[in-house]
């Protein structure tokens, strides 16, 4: 199959390379970022996969609980709630129930640098 369709192998390698790069970024963020960076990385990654761009703001609609989000970010639920509160005060995000609106993506990106 690969000999007769080499583009299949190429597309598979591209897909695997992207997945490996994402996993590498996640491992690095868990190992080296502080809690703010971990939450920012989680939100940016989740936004990329699940965000809806509406009028320049990205809305993340999720069925995840705060505990599930915190586990995905590698922090405690209490820490996630505190950081969400601080990000809201700074105008970075807006949280309504389980939905998160990204108001300023550039500020989130600064947290992971």
PDB file of N, CA and C in Angstrom:
ATOM      1  N   UNK A   1       0.838  -1.197   0.000  1.00  0.00           N
ATOM      2  CA  UNK A   1       0.000   0.000   0.000  1.00  0.00           C
ATOM      3  C   UNK A   1       0.878   1.254   0.000  1.00  0.00           C
ATOM      4  N   UNK A   2       1.903   1.256   0.848  1.00  0.00           N
ATOM      5  CA  UNK A   2       2.771   2.431   0.931  1.00  0.00           C
ATOM      6  C   UNK A   2       3.582   2.601  -0.360  1.00  0.00           C
ATOM      7  N   UNK A   3       4.028   1.485  -0.937  1.00  0.00           N
ATOM      8  CA  UNK A   3       4.785   1.583  -2.186  1.00  0.00           C
ATOM      9  C   UNK A   3       3.945   2.157  -3.315  1.00  0.00           C
ATOM     10  N   UNK A   4       2.683   1.787  -3.367  1.00  0.00           N
ATOM     11  CA  UNK A   4       1.831   2.301  -4.441  1.00  0.00           C
ATOM     12  C   UNK A   4       1.266   3.681  -4.125  1.00  0.00           C
ATOM     13  N   UNK A   5       1.251   4.071  -2.849  1.00  0.00           N
ATOM     14  CA  UNK A   5       0.733   5.385  -2.429  1.00  0.00           C
ATOM     15  C   UNK A   5       1.689   6.000  -1.397  1.00  0.00           C
ATOM     16  N   UNK A   6       2.834   6.509  -1.817  1.00  0.00           N
ATOM     17  CA  UNK A   6       3.804   7.057  -0.855  1.00  0.00           C
ATOM     18  C   UNK A   6       3.278   8.257  -0.076  1.00  0.00           C
ATOM     19  N   UNK A   7       2.259   8.927  -0.604  1.00  0.00           N
ATOM     20  CA  UNK A   7       1.695  10.071   0.137  1.00  0.00           C
ATOM     21  C   UNK A   7       1.055   9.622   1.453  1.00  0.00           C
ATOM     22  N   UNK A   8       0.624   8.363   1.522  1.00  0.00           N
ATOM     23  CA  UNK A   8       0.073   7.841   2.780  1.00  0.00           C
ATOM     24  C   UNK A   8       1.154   7.843   3.851  1.00  0.00           C
ATOM     25  N   UNK A   9       2.335   7.381   3.513  1.00  0.00           N
ATOM     26  CA  UNK A   9       3.447   7.368   4.469  1.00  0.00           C
ATOM     27  C   UNK A   9       3.818   8.781   4.879  1.00  0.00           C
ATOM     28  N   UNK A  10       3.874   9.690   3.919  1.00  0.00           N
ATOM     29  CA  UNK A  10       4.214  11.075   4.217  1.00  0.00           C
ATOM     30  C   UNK A  10       3.179  11.704   5.145  1.00  0.00           C
ATOM     31  N   UNK A  11       1.899  11.525   4.841  1.00  0.00           N
ATOM     32  CA  UNK A  11       0.838  12.082   5.690  1.00  0.00           C
ATOM     33  C   UNK A  11       0.860  11.474   7.082  1.00  0.00           C
ATOM     34  N   UNK A  12       1.168  10.183   7.177  1.00  0.00           N
ATOM     35  CA  UNK A  12       1.260   9.532   8.479  1.00  0.00           C
ATOM     36  C   UNK A  12       2.415  10.109   9.287  1.00  0.00           C
ATOM     37  N   UNK A  13       3.561  10.310   8.651  1.00  0.00           N
ATOM     38  CA  UNK A  13       4.715  10.886   9.349  1.00  0.00           C
ATOM     39  C   UNK A  13       4.433  12.319   9.801  1.00  0.00           C
ATOM     40  N   UNK A  14       3.760  13.088   8.972  1.00  0.00           N
ATOM     41  CA  UNK A  14       3.406  14.462   9.348  1.00  0.00           C
ATOM     42  C   UNK A  14       2.492  14.452  10.560  1.00  0.00           C
ATOM     43  N   UNK A  15       1.489  13.598  10.527  1.00  0.00           N
ATOM     44  CA  UNK A  15       0.548  13.505  11.639  1.00  0.00           C
ATOM     45  C   UNK A  15       1.248  13.065  12.926  1.00  0.00           C
ATOM     46  N   UNK A  16       2.079  12.062  12.837  1.00  0.00           N
ATOM     47  CA  UNK A  16       2.803  11.582  14.014  1.00  0.00           C
ATOM     48  C   UNK A  16       3.771  12.631  14.547  1.00  0.00           C
ATOM     49  N   UNK A  17       4.414  13.372  13.656  1.00  0.00           N
ATOM     50  CA  UNK A  17       5.330  14.437  14.078  1.00  0.00           C
ATOM     51  C   UNK A  17       4.587  15.527  14.840  1.00  0.00           C
ATOM     52  N   UNK A  18       3.417  15.905  14.357  1.00  0.00           N
ATOM     53  CA  UNK A  18       2.613  16.926  15.049  1.00  0.00           C
ATOM     54  C   UNK A  18       2.196  16.445  16.431  1.00  0.00           C
ATOM     55  N   UNK A  19       1.759  15.193  16.504  1.00  0.00           N
ATOM     56  CA  UNK A  19       1.349  14.638  17.800  1.00  0.00           C
ATOM     57  C   UNK A  19       2.518  14.579  18.766  1.00  0.00           C
ATOM     58  N   UNK A  20       3.671  14.163  18.283  1.00  0.00           N
ATOM     59  CA  UNK A  20       4.855  14.082  19.127  1.00  0.00           C
ATOM     60  C   UNK A  20       5.267  15.463  19.623  1.00  0.00           C
ATOM     61  N   UNK A  21       5.194  16.470  18.753  1.00  0.00           N
ATOM     62  CA  UNK A  21       5.530  17.831  19.151  1.00  0.00           C
ATOM     63  C   UNK A  21       4.585  18.327  20.238  1.00  0.00           C
ATOM     64  N   UNK A  22       3.281  18.045  20.094  1.00  0.00           N
ATOM     65  CA  UNK A  22       2.304  18.458  21.107  1.00  0.00           C
ATOM     66  C   UNK A  22       2.575  17.784  22.445  1.00  0.00           C
ATOM     67  N   UNK A  23       2.874  16.499  22.412  1.00  0.00           N
ATOM     68  CA  UNK A  23       3.159  15.775  23.645  1.00  0.00           C
ATOM     69  C   UNK A  23       4.416  16.330  24.299  1.00  0.00           C
ATOM     70  N   UNK A  24       5.434  16.618  23.502  1.00  0.00           N
ATOM     71  CA  UNK A  24       6.675  17.181  24.021  1.00  0.00           C
ATOM     72  C   UNK A  24       6.417  18.526  24.701  1.00  0.00           C
ATOM     73  N   UNK A  25       5.585  19.367  24.089  1.00  0.00           N
ATOM     74  CA  UNK A  25       5.232  20.661  24.683  1.00  0.00           C
ATOM     75  C   UNK A  25       4.499  20.477  26.003  1.00  0.00           C
ATOM     76  N   UNK A  26       3.593  19.503  26.057  1.00  0.00           N
ATOM     77  CA  UNK A  26       2.851  19.259  27.292  1.00  0.00           C
ATOM     78  C   UNK A  26       3.758  18.770  28.402  1.00  0.00           C
ATOM     79  N   UNK A  27       4.660  17.870  28.091  1.00  0.00           N
ATOM     80  CA  UNK A  27       5.603  17.369  29.097  1.00  0.00           C
ATOM     81  C   UNK A  27       6.482  18.510  29.607  1.00  0.00           C
ATOM     82  N   UNK A  28       6.975  19.331  28.684  1.00  0.00           N
ATOM     83  CA  UNK A  28       7.808  20.468  29.078  1.00  0.00           C
ATOM     84  C   UNK A  28       7.034  21.434  29.962  1.00  0.00           C
ATOM     85  N   UNK A  29       5.790  21.696  29.636  1.00  0.00           N
ATOM     86  CA  UNK A  29       5.007  22.631  30.447  1.00  0.00           C
ATOM     87  C   UNK A  29       4.767  22.078  31.842  1.00  0.00           C
ATOM     88  N   UNK A  30       4.510  20.784  31.949  1.00  0.00           N
ATOM     89  CA  UNK A  30       4.308  20.181  33.272  1.00  0.00           C
ATOM     90  C   UNK A  30       5.582  20.217  34.093  1.00  0.00           C
ATOM     91  N   UNK A  31       6.719  20.094  33.438  1.00  0.00           N
ATOM     92  CA  UNK A  31       7.986  20.045  34.158  1.00  0.00           C
ATOM     93  C   UNK A  31       8.544  21.429  34.496  1.00  0.00           C
ATOM     94  N   UNK A  32       8.341  22.408  33.621  1.00  0.00           N
ATOM     95  CA  UNK A  32       9.065  23.665  33.773  1.00  0.00           C
ATOM     96  C   UNK A  32       8.226  24.903  34.045  1.00  0.00           C
ATOM     97  N   UNK A  33       6.953  24.881  33.732  1.00  0.00           N
ATOM     98  CA  UNK A  33       6.129  26.075  33.924  1.00  0.00           C
ATOM     99  C   UNK A  33       5.599  26.164  35.344  1.00  0.00           C
ATOM    100  N   UNK A  34       5.392  27.395  35.804  1.00  0.00           N
ATOM    101  CA  UNK A  34       4.708  27.581  37.080  1.00  0.00           C
ATOM    102  C   UNK A  34       3.213  27.354  36.869  1.00  0.00           C
ATOM    103  N   UNK A  35       2.434  27.485  37.928  1.00  0.00           N
ATOM    104  CA  UNK A  35       0.994  27.203  37.845  1.00  0.00           C
ATOM    105  C   UNK A  35       0.284  28.094  36.833  1.00  0.00           C
ATOM    106  N   UNK A  36       0.681  29.361  36.759  1.00  0.00           N
ATOM    107  CA  UNK A  36       0.056  30.278  35.805  1.00  0.00           C
ATOM    108  C   UNK A  36       0.343  29.824  34.371  1.00  0.00           C
ATOM    109  N   UNK A  37       1.575  29.431  34.129  1.00  0.00           N
ATOM    110  CA  UNK A  37       1.947  28.946  32.811  1.00  0.00           C
ATOM    111  C   UNK A  37       1.225  27.663  32.449  1.00  0.00           C
ATOM    112  N   UNK A  38       1.041  26.784  33.448  1.00  0.00           N
ATOM    113  CA  UNK A  38       0.331  25.529  33.194  1.00  0.00           C
ATOM    114  C   UNK A  38      -1.119  25.786  32.809  1.00  0.00           C
ATOM    115  N   UNK A  39      -1.760  26.716  33.495  1.00  0.00           N
ATOM    116  CA  UNK A  39      -3.152  27.049  33.164  1.00  0.00           C
ATOM    117  C   UNK A  39      -3.211  27.711  31.795  1.00  0.00           C
ATOM    118  N   UNK A  40      -2.284  28.616  31.522  1.00  0.00           N
ATOM    119  CA  UNK A  40      -2.253  29.277  30.218  1.00  0.00           C
ATOM    120  C   UNK A  40      -2.048  28.251  29.109  1.00  0.00           C
ATOM    121  N   UNK A  41      -1.109  27.323  29.292  1.00  0.00           N
ATOM    122  CA  UNK A  41      -0.851  26.285  28.280  1.00  0.00           C
ATOM    123  C   UNK A  41      -2.097  25.424  28.082  1.00  0.00           C
ATOM    124  N   UNK A  42      -2.744  25.041  29.183  1.00  0.00           N
ATOM    125  CA  UNK A  42      -3.967  24.242  29.080  1.00  0.00           C
ATOM    126  C   UNK A  42      -5.026  24.984  28.268  1.00  0.00           C
ATOM    127  N   UNK A  43      -5.248  26.259  28.589  1.00  0.00           N
ATOM    128  CA  UNK A  43      -6.273  27.036  27.896  1.00  0.00           C
ATOM    129  C   UNK A  43      -5.944  27.213  26.411  1.00  0.00           C
ATOM    130  N   UNK A  44      -4.691  27.492  26.107  1.00  0.00           N
ATOM    131  CA  UNK A  44      -4.305  27.667  24.702  1.00  0.00           C
ATOM    132  C   UNK A  44      -4.462  26.368  23.917  1.00  0.00           C
ATOM    133  N   UNK A  45      -4.044  25.259  24.510  1.00  0.00           N
ATOM    134  CA  UNK A  45      -4.199  23.967  23.837  1.00  0.00           C
ATOM    135  C   UNK A  45      -5.665  23.604  23.662  1.00  0.00           C
ATOM    136  N   UNK A  46      -6.442  23.812  24.722  1.00  0.00           N
ATOM    137  CA  UNK A  46      -7.865  23.473  24.675  1.00  0.00           C
ATOM    138  C   UNK A  46      -8.591  24.380  23.689  1.00  0.00           C
ATOM    139  N   UNK A  47      -8.173  25.653  23.643  1.00  0.00           N
ATOM    140  CA  UNK A  47      -8.767  26.612  22.710  1.00  0.00           C
ATOM    141  C   UNK A  47      -8.516  26.173  21.268  1.00  0.00           C
ATOM    142  N   UNK A  48      -7.310  25.707  21.008  1.00  0.00           N
ATOM    143  CA  UNK A  48      -6.951  25.270  19.652  1.00  0.00           C
ATOM    144  C   UNK A  48      -7.853  24.129  19.179  1.00  0.00           C
ATOM    145  N   UNK A  49      -8.171  23.216  20.087  1.00  0.00           N
ATOM    146  CA  UNK A  49      -8.957  22.042  19.722  1.00  0.00           C
ATOM    147  C   UNK A  49     -10.466  22.253  19.839  1.00  0.00           C
ATOM    148  N   UNK A  50     -10.909  23.140  20.744  1.00  0.00           N
ATOM    149  CA  UNK A  50     -12.337  23.229  21.056  1.00  0.00           C
ATOM    150  C   UNK A  50     -12.906  24.640  21.033  1.00  0.00           C
ATOM    151  N   UNK A  51     -12.107  25.633  20.654  1.00  0.00           N
ATOM    152  CA  UNK A  51     -12.572  27.014  20.717  1.00  0.00           C
ATOM    153  C   UNK A  51     -13.401  27.437  19.526  1.00  0.00           C
ATOM    154  N   UNK A  52     -14.333  28.340  19.780  1.00  0.00           N
ATOM    155  CA  UNK A  52     -15.166  28.939  18.733  1.00  0.00           C
ATOM    156  C   UNK A  52     -14.883  30.435  18.709  1.00  0.00           C
ATOM    157  N   UNK A  53     -14.381  30.946  17.589  1.00  0.00           N
ATOM    158  CA  UNK A  53     -14.055  32.365  17.461  1.00  0.00           C
ATOM    159  C   UNK A  53     -15.322  33.142  17.141  1.00  0.00           C
ATOM    160  N   UNK A  54     -15.694  34.032  18.064  1.00  0.00           N
ATOM    161  CA  UNK A  54     -16.883  34.855  17.888  1.00  0.00           C
ATOM    162  C   UNK A  54     -16.495  36.299  18.175  1.00  0.00           C
ATOM    163  N   UNK A  55     -16.542  37.138  17.148  1.00  0.00           N
ATOM    164  CA  UNK A  55     -16.217  38.561  17.265  1.00  0.00           C
ATOM    165  C   UNK A  55     -14.843  38.805  17.885  1.00  0.00           C
ATOM    166  N   UNK A  56     -13.843  38.028  17.479  1.00  0.00           N
ATOM    167  CA  UNK A  56     -12.486  38.224  17.966  1.00  0.00           C
ATOM    168  C   UNK A  56     -12.203  37.646  19.332  1.00  0.00           C
ATOM    169  N   UNK A  57     -13.193  37.025  19.928  1.00  0.00           N
ATOM    170  CA  UNK A  57     -13.013  36.368  21.221  1.00  0.00           C
ATOM    171  C   UNK A  57     -13.239  34.878  21.009  1.00  0.00           C
ATOM    172  N   UNK A  58     -12.428  34.081  21.674  1.00  0.00           N
ATOM    173  CA  UNK A  58     -12.553  32.636  21.527  1.00  0.00           C
ATOM    174  C   UNK A  58     -13.281  32.087  22.735  1.00  0.00           C
ATOM    175  N   UNK A  59     -14.385  31.413  22.473  1.00  0.00           N
ATOM    176  CA  UNK A  59     -15.182  30.812  23.547  1.00  0.00           C
ATOM    177  C   UNK A  59     -14.914  29.316  23.562  1.00  0.00           C
ATOM    178  N   UNK A  60     -14.520  28.830  24.729  1.00  0.00           N
ATOM    179  CA  UNK A  60     -14.294  27.407  24.917  1.00  0.00           C
ATOM    180  C   UNK A  60     -15.496  26.856  25.667  1.00  0.00           C
ATOM    181  N   UNK A  61     -16.296  26.074  24.988  1.00  0.00           N
ATOM    182  CA  UNK A  61     -17.440  25.428  25.623  1.00  0.00           C
ATOM    183  C   UNK A  61     -17.010  24.021  26.005  1.00  0.00           C
ATOM    184  N   UNK A  62     -17.122  23.712  27.280  1.00  0.00           N
ATOM    185  CA  UNK A  62     -16.637  22.416  27.747  1.00  0.00           C
ATOM    186  C   UNK A  62     -17.589  21.809  28.757  1.00  0.00           C
ATOM    187  N   UNK A  63     -17.567  20.509  28.843  1.00  0.00           N
ATOM    188  CA  UNK A  63     -18.335  19.799  29.863  1.00  0.00           C
ATOM    189  C   UNK A  63     -17.432  19.368  31.008  1.00  0.00           C
ATOM    190  N   UNK A  64     -16.183  19.838  30.991  1.00  0.00           N
ATOM    191  CA  UNK A  64     -15.231  19.460  32.030  1.00  0.00           C
ATOM    192  C   UNK A  64     -15.507  20.200  33.330  1.00  0.00           C
ATOM    193  N   UNK A  65     -15.300  19.518  34.429  1.00  0.00           N
ATOM    194  CA  UNK A  65     -15.387  20.164  35.731  1.00  0.00           C
ATOM    195  C   UNK A  65     -14.073  20.880  36.012  1.00  0.00           C
ATOM    196  N   UNK A  66     -14.051  21.712  37.030  1.00  0.00           N
ATOM    197  CA  UNK A  66     -12.808  22.393  37.425  1.00  0.00           C
ATOM    198  C   UNK A  66     -11.745  21.358  37.810  1.00  0.00           C
ATOM    199  N   UNK A  67     -12.157  20.293  38.466  1.00  0.00           N
ATOM    200  CA  UNK A  67     -11.214  19.255  38.861  1.00  0.00           C
ATOM    201  C   UNK A  67     -10.592  18.595  37.636  1.00  0.00           C
ATOM    202  N   UNK A  68     -11.396  18.304  36.630  1.00  0.00           N
ATOM    203  CA  UNK A  68     -10.865  17.695  35.412  1.00  0.00           C
ATOM    204  C   UNK A  68      -9.906  18.647  34.696  1.00  0.00           C
ATOM    205  N   UNK A  69     -10.273  19.933  34.632  1.00  0.00           N
ATOM    206  CA  UNK A  69      -9.379  20.914  34.014  1.00  0.00           C
ATOM    207  C   UNK A  69      -8.069  21.008  34.789  1.00  0.00           C
ATOM    208  N   UNK A  70      -8.163  21.049  36.110  1.00  0.00           N
ATOM    209  CA  UNK A  70      -6.968  21.141  36.943  1.00  0.00           C
ATOM    210  C   UNK A  70      -6.074  19.925  36.743  1.00  0.00           C
ATOM    211  N   UNK A  71      -6.665  18.752  36.675  1.00  0.00           N
ATOM    212  CA  UNK A  71      -5.880  17.540  36.441  1.00  0.00           C
ATOM    213  C   UNK A  71      -5.177  17.597  35.091  1.00  0.00           C
ATOM    214  N   UNK A  72      -5.862  18.101  34.086  1.00  0.00           N
ATOM    215  CA  UNK A  72      -5.253  18.206  32.756  1.00  0.00           C
ATOM    216  C   UNK A  72      -4.104  19.214  32.759  1.00  0.00           C
ATOM    217  N   UNK A  73      -4.199  20.243  33.599  1.00  0.00           N
ATOM    218  CA  UNK A  73      -3.146  21.256  33.693  1.00  0.00           C
ATOM    219  C   UNK A  73      -2.028  20.831  34.641  1.00  0.00           C
ATOM    220  N   UNK A  74      -2.271  19.801  35.442  1.00  0.00           N
ATOM    221  CA  UNK A  74      -1.254  19.323  36.373  1.00  0.00           C
ATOM    222  C   UNK A  74      -1.170  20.120  37.655  1.00  0.00           C
ATOM    223  N   UNK A  75      -2.312  20.670  38.093  1.00  0.00           N
ATOM    224  CA  UNK A  75      -2.364  21.459  39.326  1.00  0.00           C
ATOM    225  C   UNK A  75      -3.599  21.055  40.117  1.00  0.00           C
ATOM    226  N   UNK A  76      -3.762  21.628  41.315  1.00  0.00           N
ATOM    227  CA  UNK A  76      -4.944  21.327  42.126  1.00  0.00           C
ATOM    228  C   UNK A  76      -6.142  22.148  41.659  1.00  0.00           C
ATOM    229  N   UNK A  77      -7.336  21.698  42.024  1.00  0.00           N
ATOM    230  CA  UNK A  77      -8.551  22.418  41.663  1.00  0.00           C
ATOM    231  C   UNK A  77      -8.555  23.803  42.287  1.00  0.00           C
ATOM    232  N   UNK A  78      -8.100  23.890  43.523  1.00  0.00           N
ATOM    233  CA  UNK A  78      -8.070  25.180  44.217  1.00  0.00           C
ATOM    234  C   UNK A  78      -7.153  26.170  43.509  1.00  0.00           C
ATOM    235  N   UNK A  79      -6.010  25.683  43.061  1.00  0.00           N
ATOM    236  CA  UNK A  79      -5.065  26.547  42.347  1.00  0.00           C
ATOM    237  C   UNK A  79      -5.666  27.005  41.022  1.00  0.00           C
ATOM    238  N   UNK A  80      -6.320  26.107  40.299  1.00  0.00           N
ATOM    239  CA  UNK A  80      -6.956  26.475  39.042  1.00  0.00           C
ATOM    240  C   UNK A  80      -8.016  27.558  39.277  1.00  0.00           C
ATOM    241  N   UNK A  81      -8.839  27.391  40.287  1.00  0.00           N
ATOM    242  CA  UNK A  81      -9.889  28.360  40.592  1.00  0.00           C
ATOM    243  C   UNK A  81      -9.280  29.721  40.934  1.00  0.00           C
ATOM    244  N   UNK A  82      -8.200  29.717  41.721  1.00  0.00           N
ATOM    245  CA  UNK A  82      -7.532  30.973  42.092  1.00  0.00           C
ATOM    246  C   UNK A  82      -6.950  31.656  40.857  1.00  0.00           C
ATOM    247  N   UNK A  83      -6.302  30.892  39.987  1.00  0.00           N
ATOM    248  CA  UNK A  83      -5.692  31.474  38.791  1.00  0.00           C
ATOM    249  C   UNK A  83      -6.764  31.957  37.816  1.00  0.00           C
ATOM    250  N   UNK A  84      -7.851  31.205  37.661  1.00  0.00           N
ATOM    251  CA  UNK A  84      -8.971  31.687  36.844  1.00  0.00           C
ATOM    252  C   UNK A  84      -9.443  33.045  37.361  1.00  0.00           C
ATOM    253  N   UNK A  85      -9.577  33.178  38.670  1.00  0.00           N
ATOM    254  CA  UNK A  85     -10.007  34.437  39.268  1.00  0.00           C
ATOM    255  C   UNK A  85      -9.041  35.576  38.962  1.00  0.00           C
ATOM    256  N   UNK A  86      -7.746  35.297  39.085  1.00  0.00           N
ATOM    257  CA  UNK A  86      -6.746  36.326  38.792  1.00  0.00           C
ATOM    258  C   UNK A  86      -6.709  36.680  37.312  1.00  0.00           C
ATOM    259  N   UNK A  87      -6.836  35.667  36.444  1.00  0.00           N
ATOM    260  CA  UNK A  87      -6.886  35.941  35.008  1.00  0.00           C
ATOM    261  C   UNK A  87      -8.123  36.769  34.656  1.00  0.00           C
ATOM    262  N   UNK A  88      -9.223  36.536  35.338  1.00  0.00           N
ATOM    263  CA  UNK A  88     -10.432  37.330  35.085  1.00  0.00           C
ATOM    264  C   UNK A  88     -10.215  38.774  35.505  1.00  0.00           C
ATOM    265  N   UNK A  89      -9.608  38.986  36.672  1.00  0.00           N
ATOM    266  CA  UNK A  89      -9.344  40.351  37.151  1.00  0.00           C
ATOM    267  C   UNK A  89      -8.447  41.116  36.190  1.00  0.00           C
ATOM    268  N   UNK A  90      -7.505  40.407  35.559  1.00  0.00           N
ATOM    269  CA  UNK A  90      -6.571  41.037  34.624  1.00  0.00           C
ATOM    270  C   UNK A  90      -7.146  41.171  33.225  1.00  0.00           C
ATOM    271  N   UNK A  91      -8.360  40.672  33.003  1.00  0.00           N
ATOM    272  CA  UNK A  91      -9.011  40.801  31.699  1.00  0.00           C
ATOM    273  C   UNK A  91      -8.499  39.829  30.649  1.00  0.00           C
ATOM    274  N   UNK A  92      -7.918  38.713  31.106  1.00  0.00           N
ATOM    275  CA  UNK A  92      -7.385  37.721  30.187  1.00  0.00           C
ATOM    276  C   UNK A  92      -8.478  36.758  29.739  1.00  0.00           C
ATOM    277  N   UNK A  93      -9.319  36.354  30.681  1.00  0.00           N
ATOM    278  CA  UNK A  93     -10.401  35.402  30.391  1.00  0.00           C
ATOM    279  C   UNK A  93     -11.675  35.860  31.082  1.00  0.00           C
ATOM    280  N   UNK A  94     -12.769  35.230  30.689  1.00  0.00           N
ATOM    281  CA  UNK A  94     -14.049  35.402  31.360  1.00  0.00           C
ATOM    282  C   UNK A  94     -14.616  33.995  31.543  1.00  0.00           C
ATOM    283  N   UNK A  95     -14.981  33.657  32.771  1.00  0.00           N
ATOM    284  CA  UNK A  95     -15.499  32.328  33.067  1.00  0.00           C
ATOM    285  C   UNK A  95     -16.977  32.448  33.394  1.00  0.00           C
ATOM    286  N   UNK A  96     -17.771  31.633  32.684  1.00  0.00           N
ATOM    287  CA  UNK A  96     -19.209  31.567  32.949  1.00  0.00           C
ATOM    288  C   UNK A  96     -19.578  30.094  33.017  1.00  0.00           C
ATOM    289  N   UNK A  97     -19.795  29.602  34.222  1.00  0.00           N
ATOM    290  CA  UNK A  97     -20.077  28.182  34.385  1.00  0.00           C
ATOM    291  C   UNK A  97     -18.890  27.368  33.930  1.00  0.00           C
ATOM    292  N   UNK A  98     -19.120  26.468  32.989  1.00  0.00           N
ATOM    293  CA  UNK A  98     -18.029  25.645  32.461  1.00  0.00           C
ATOM    294  C   UNK A  98     -17.430  26.221  31.184  1.00  0.00           C
ATOM    295  N   UNK A  99     -17.932  27.359  30.747  1.00  0.00           N
ATOM    296  CA  UNK A  99     -17.415  27.998  29.538  1.00  0.00           C
ATOM    297  C   UNK A  99     -16.362  29.038  29.902  1.00  0.00           C
ATOM    298  N   UNK A 100     -15.308  29.090  29.093  1.00  0.00           N
ATOM    299  CA  UNK A 100     -14.244  30.062  29.283  1.00  0.00           C
ATOM    300  C   UNK A 100     -14.090  30.848  27.987  1.00  0.00           C
ATOM    301  N   UNK A 101     -14.123  32.172  28.104  1.00  0.00           N
ATOM    302  CA  UNK A 101     -13.899  33.036  26.949  1.00  0.00           C
ATOM    303  C   UNK A 101     -12.502  33.629  27.062  1.00  0.00           C
ATOM    304  N   UNK A 102     -11.711  33.444  26.013  1.00  0.00           N
ATOM    305  CA  UNK A 102     -10.365  34.015  25.972  1.00  0.00           C
ATOM    306  C   UNK A 102     -10.495  35.446  25.460  1.00  0.00           C
ATOM    307  N   UNK A 103     -10.221  36.406  26.329  1.00  0.00           N
ATOM    308  CA  UNK A 103     -10.344  37.813  25.964  1.00  0.00           C
ATOM    309  C   UNK A 103      -9.051  38.373  25.394  1.00  0.00           C
ATOM    310  N   UNK A 104      -7.911  37.865  25.886  1.00  0.00           N
ATOM    311  CA  UNK A 104      -6.614  38.365  25.429  1.00  0.00           C
ATOM    312  C   UNK A 104      -5.631  37.202  25.308  1.00  0.00           C
ATOM    313  N   UNK A 105      -5.564  36.645  24.111  1.00  0.00           N
ATOM    314  CA  UNK A 105      -4.706  35.481  23.867  1.00  0.00           C
ATOM    315  C   UNK A 105      -3.234  35.822  24.073  1.00  0.00           C
ATOM    316  N   UNK A 106      -2.833  37.045  23.738  1.00  0.00           N
ATOM    317  CA  UNK A 106      -1.416  37.432  23.859  1.00  0.00           C
ATOM    318  C   UNK A 106      -0.960  37.399  25.310  1.00  0.00           C
ATOM    319  N   UNK A 107      -1.833  37.772  26.254  1.00  0.00           N
ATOM    320  CA  UNK A 107      -1.457  37.712  27.662  1.00  0.00           C
ATOM    321  C   UNK A 107      -1.291  36.267  28.132  1.00  0.00           C
ATOM    322  N   UNK A 108      -2.111  35.364  27.620  1.00  0.00           N
ATOM    323  CA  UNK A 108      -1.944  33.955  27.949  1.00  0.00           C
ATOM    324  C   UNK A 108      -0.605  33.440  27.420  1.00  0.00           C
ATOM    325  N   UNK A 109      -0.262  33.835  26.216  1.00  0.00           N
ATOM    326  CA  UNK A 109       0.996  33.378  25.623  1.00  0.00           C
ATOM    327  C   UNK A 109       2.197  33.889  26.414  1.00  0.00           C
ATOM    328  N   UNK A 110       2.092  35.073  26.999  1.00  0.00           N
ATOM    329  CA  UNK A 110       3.193  35.612  27.811  1.00  0.00           C
ATOM    330  C   UNK A 110       3.443  34.758  29.055  1.00  0.00           C
ATOM    331  N   UNK A 111       2.397  34.138  29.567  1.00  0.00           N
ATOM    332  CA  UNK A 111       2.536  33.308  30.765  1.00  0.00           C
ATOM    333  C   UNK A 111       3.366  32.046  30.519  1.00  0.00           C
ATOM    334  N   UNK A 112       3.463  31.624  29.274  1.00  0.00           N
ATOM    335  CA  UNK A 112       4.200  30.386  28.999  1.00  0.00           C
ATOM    336  C   UNK A 112       5.606  30.658  28.469  1.00  0.00           C
ATOM    337  N   UNK A 113       5.987  31.912  28.415  1.00  0.00           N
ATOM    338  CA  UNK A 113       7.335  32.245  27.932  1.00  0.00           C
ATOM    339  C   UNK A 113       8.287  32.480  29.077  1.00  0.00           C
TER     340      UNK A 113
END
